[in-house]
Amino acid sequence: WGRNQNGQLGLGSTEDSLVPQKIQAFQGISIKMVAAGAEHTAAVSEEGALYGWGWGRYGNLGLGDRNDRLVPEKVSTLNVSQTGTICLACILKYQ
């Protein structure tokens, strides 16, 4: 819930939400980790699949382009269960 200017809530629109809502794209998928930034979000499933959505202007969704996503999209080139990744973070700026 909250601000959703760039689709970072993953609800399929850019409307803000005043209450928590289920992300329909994850129906039937168990999520073990979520990282929420100011404008984009990422998640890892129990199977190790990585998803990105929201503001993608600088390629920060990991999807190979600079497009925003209104719903979670699987990052097809990476399976974190194979890389041993255990931490996920989304931040506004990194310097």
C-alpha atoms as a PDB file:
ATOM      1  CA  TRP A   1       0.000   0.000   0.000  1.00  0.00           C
ATOM      2  CA  GLY A   2       1.053   3.594  -0.422  1.00  0.00           C
ATOM      3  CA  ARG A   3       2.350   5.664  -3.309  1.00  0.00           C
ATOM      4  CA  ASN A   4       2.293   3.944  -6.683  1.00  0.00           C
ATOM      5  CA  GLN A   5       3.392   6.553  -9.232  1.00  0.00           C
ATOM      6  CA  ASN A   6       5.543   4.079 -11.182  1.00  0.00           C
ATOM      7  CA  GLY A   7       3.672   0.847 -10.544  1.00  0.00           C
ATOM      8  CA  GLN A   8       5.931  -0.158  -7.656  1.00  0.00           C
ATOM      9  CA  LEU A   9       2.993  -1.770  -5.832  1.00  0.00           C
ATOM     10  CA  GLY A  10       2.662  -4.360  -8.627  1.00  0.00           C
ATOM     11  CA  LEU A  11      -1.110  -4.012  -8.886  1.00  0.00           C
ATOM     12  CA  GLY A  12      -1.330  -3.371 -12.642  1.00  0.00           C
ATOM     13  CA  SER A  13      -1.964   0.373 -12.383  1.00  0.00           C
ATOM     14  CA  THR A  14      -0.382   3.563 -11.070  1.00  0.00           C
ATOM     15  CA  GLU A  15      -3.163   4.307  -8.588  1.00  0.00           C
ATOM     16  CA  ASP A  16      -2.078   4.724  -4.976  1.00  0.00           C
ATOM     17  CA  SER A  17      -3.472   2.193  -2.503  1.00  0.00           C
ATOM     18  CA  LEU A  18      -4.615   3.021   1.021  1.00  0.00           C
ATOM     19  CA  VAL A  19      -4.731  -0.616   2.163  1.00  0.00           C
ATOM     20  CA  PRO A  20      -2.586  -3.742   1.616  1.00  0.00           C
ATOM     21  CA  GLN A  21      -3.562  -5.808  -1.437  1.00  0.00           C
ATOM     22  CA  LYS A  22      -2.507  -9.157  -2.856  1.00  0.00           C
ATOM     23  CA  ILE A  23      -0.380  -9.029  -5.990  1.00  0.00           C
ATOM     24  CA  GLN A  24      -2.323 -11.142  -8.473  1.00  0.00           C
ATOM     25  CA  ALA A  25       0.796 -11.906 -10.531  1.00  0.00           C
ATOM     26  CA  PHE A  26       2.072 -13.984  -7.588  1.00  0.00           C
ATOM     27  CA  GLN A  27      -1.007 -16.182  -7.315  1.00  0.00           C
ATOM     28  CA  GLY A  28       0.323 -19.723  -6.848  1.00  0.00           C
ATOM     29  CA  ILE A  29       3.916 -18.502  -6.306  1.00  0.00           C
ATOM     30  CA  SER A  30       5.471 -18.553  -2.830  1.00  0.00           C
ATOM     31  CA  ILE A  31       7.552 -15.441  -2.185  1.00  0.00           C
ATOM     32  CA  LYS A  32      10.321 -15.631   0.404  1.00  0.00           C
ATOM     33  CA  MET A  33      11.870 -12.163   0.153  1.00  0.00           C
ATOM     34  CA  VAL A  34      10.718  -8.694  -0.946  1.00  0.00           C
ATOM     35  CA  ALA A  35      12.697  -5.462  -1.187  1.00  0.00           C
ATOM     36  CA  ALA A  36      10.832  -2.199  -1.667  1.00  0.00           C
ATOM     37  CA  GLY A  37      12.526   0.969  -2.846  1.00  0.00           C
ATOM     38  CA  ALA A  38      11.001   4.413  -3.277  1.00  0.00           C
ATOM     39  CA  GLU A  39      10.068   3.731  -6.916  1.00  0.00           C
ATOM     40  CA  HIS A  40      10.661   0.037  -7.638  1.00  0.00           C
ATOM     41  CA  THR A  41      10.325  -3.351  -5.971  1.00  0.00           C
ATOM     42  CA  ALA A  42      11.985  -6.757  -6.266  1.00  0.00           C
ATOM     43  CA  ALA A  43      11.098 -10.192  -4.934  1.00  0.00           C
ATOM     44  CA  VAL A  44      12.574 -13.685  -4.786  1.00  0.00           C
ATOM     45  CA  SER A  45      10.374 -16.781  -4.893  1.00  0.00           C
ATOM     46  CA  GLU A  46      10.918 -19.914  -2.807  1.00  0.00           C
ATOM     47  CA  GLU A  47      12.174 -21.553  -6.031  1.00  0.00           C
ATOM     48  CA  GLY A  48      14.819 -18.837  -6.459  1.00  0.00           C
ATOM     49  CA  ALA A  49      13.218 -16.825  -9.276  1.00  0.00           C
ATOM     50  CA  LEU A  50      13.869 -13.070  -9.176  1.00  0.00           C
ATOM     51  CA  TYR A  51      11.132 -10.563 -10.101  1.00  0.00           C
ATOM     52  CA  GLY A  52      11.248  -6.795 -10.659  1.00  0.00           C
ATOM     53  CA  TRP A  53       8.601  -4.105 -11.133  1.00  0.00           C
ATOM     54  CA  GLY A  54       8.008  -0.375 -10.843  1.00  0.00           C
ATOM     55  CA  TRP A  55      10.372   2.326 -12.122  1.00  0.00           C
ATOM     56  CA  GLY A  56      12.880   0.968 -14.636  1.00  0.00           C
ATOM     57  CA  ARG A  57      14.439   4.138 -16.068  1.00  0.00           C
ATOM     58  CA  TYR A  58      18.034   3.146 -15.323  1.00  0.00           C
ATOM     59  CA  GLY A  59      17.644  -0.583 -15.924  1.00  0.00           C
ATOM     60  CA  ASN A  60      17.197  -1.106 -12.192  1.00  0.00           C
ATOM     61  CA  LEU A  61      14.601  -3.856 -12.670  1.00  0.00           C
ATOM     62  CA  GLY A  62      17.150  -6.179 -14.257  1.00  0.00           C
ATOM     63  CA  LEU A  63      14.902  -6.833 -17.247  1.00  0.00           C
ATOM     64  CA  GLY A  64      17.249  -5.630 -19.978  1.00  0.00           C
ATOM     65  CA  ASP A  65      15.506  -2.349 -20.752  1.00  0.00           C
ATOM     66  CA  ARG A  66      14.528   0.989 -19.208  1.00  0.00           C
ATOM     67  CA  ASN A  67      10.765   0.449 -19.139  1.00  0.00           C
ATOM     68  CA  ASP A  68       8.528   0.687 -16.089  1.00  0.00           C
ATOM     69  CA  ARG A  69       6.517  -2.396 -15.133  1.00  0.00           C
ATOM     70  CA  LEU A  70       3.095  -2.240 -13.466  1.00  0.00           C
ATOM     71  CA  VAL A  71       3.200  -5.910 -12.445  1.00  0.00           C
ATOM     72  CA  PRO A  72       6.065  -8.173 -11.376  1.00  0.00           C
ATOM     73  CA  GLU A  73       8.089  -9.590 -14.253  1.00  0.00           C
ATOM     74  CA  LYS A  74      10.494 -12.488 -13.937  1.00  0.00           C
ATOM     75  CA  VAL A  75      14.166 -11.710 -14.520  1.00  0.00           C
ATOM     76  CA  SER A  76      14.778 -14.587 -16.911  1.00  0.00           C
ATOM     77  CA  THR A  77      18.567 -14.517 -16.830  1.00  0.00           C
ATOM     78  CA  LEU A  78      18.987 -15.162 -13.125  1.00  0.00           C
ATOM     79  CA  ASN A  79      17.923 -17.824 -10.667  1.00  0.00           C
ATOM     80  CA  VAL A  80      19.158 -16.889  -7.222  1.00  0.00           C
ATOM     81  CA  SER A  81      18.991 -20.466  -5.952  1.00  0.00           C
ATOM     82  CA  GLN A  82      21.886 -21.191  -8.324  1.00  0.00           C
ATOM     83  CA  THR A  83      23.931 -18.131  -7.320  1.00  0.00           C
ATOM     84  CA  GLY A  84      23.534 -18.476  -3.567  1.00  0.00           C
ATOM     85  CA  THR A  85      22.080 -14.981  -3.159  1.00  0.00           C
ATOM     86  CA  ILE A  86      20.671 -14.445   0.323  1.00  0.00           C
ATOM     87  CA  CYS A  87      20.064 -10.675   0.467  1.00  0.00           C
ATOM     88  CA  LEU A  88      17.929  -8.391  -1.697  1.00  0.00           C
ATOM     89  CA  ALA A  89      17.745  -4.580  -1.539  1.00  0.00           C
ATOM     90  CA  CYS A  90      16.190  -1.710  -3.495  1.00  0.00           C
ATOM     91  CA  ILE A  91      17.446   1.803  -2.858  1.00  0.00           C
ATOM     92  CA  LEU A  92      16.876   5.247  -4.322  1.00  0.00           C
ATOM     93  CA  LYS A  93      20.527   6.154  -4.934  1.00  0.00           C
ATOM     94  CA  TYR A  94      23.818   4.339  -4.552  1.00  0.00           C
ATOM     95  CA  GLN A  95      27.055   6.313  -4.492  1.00  0.00           C
END
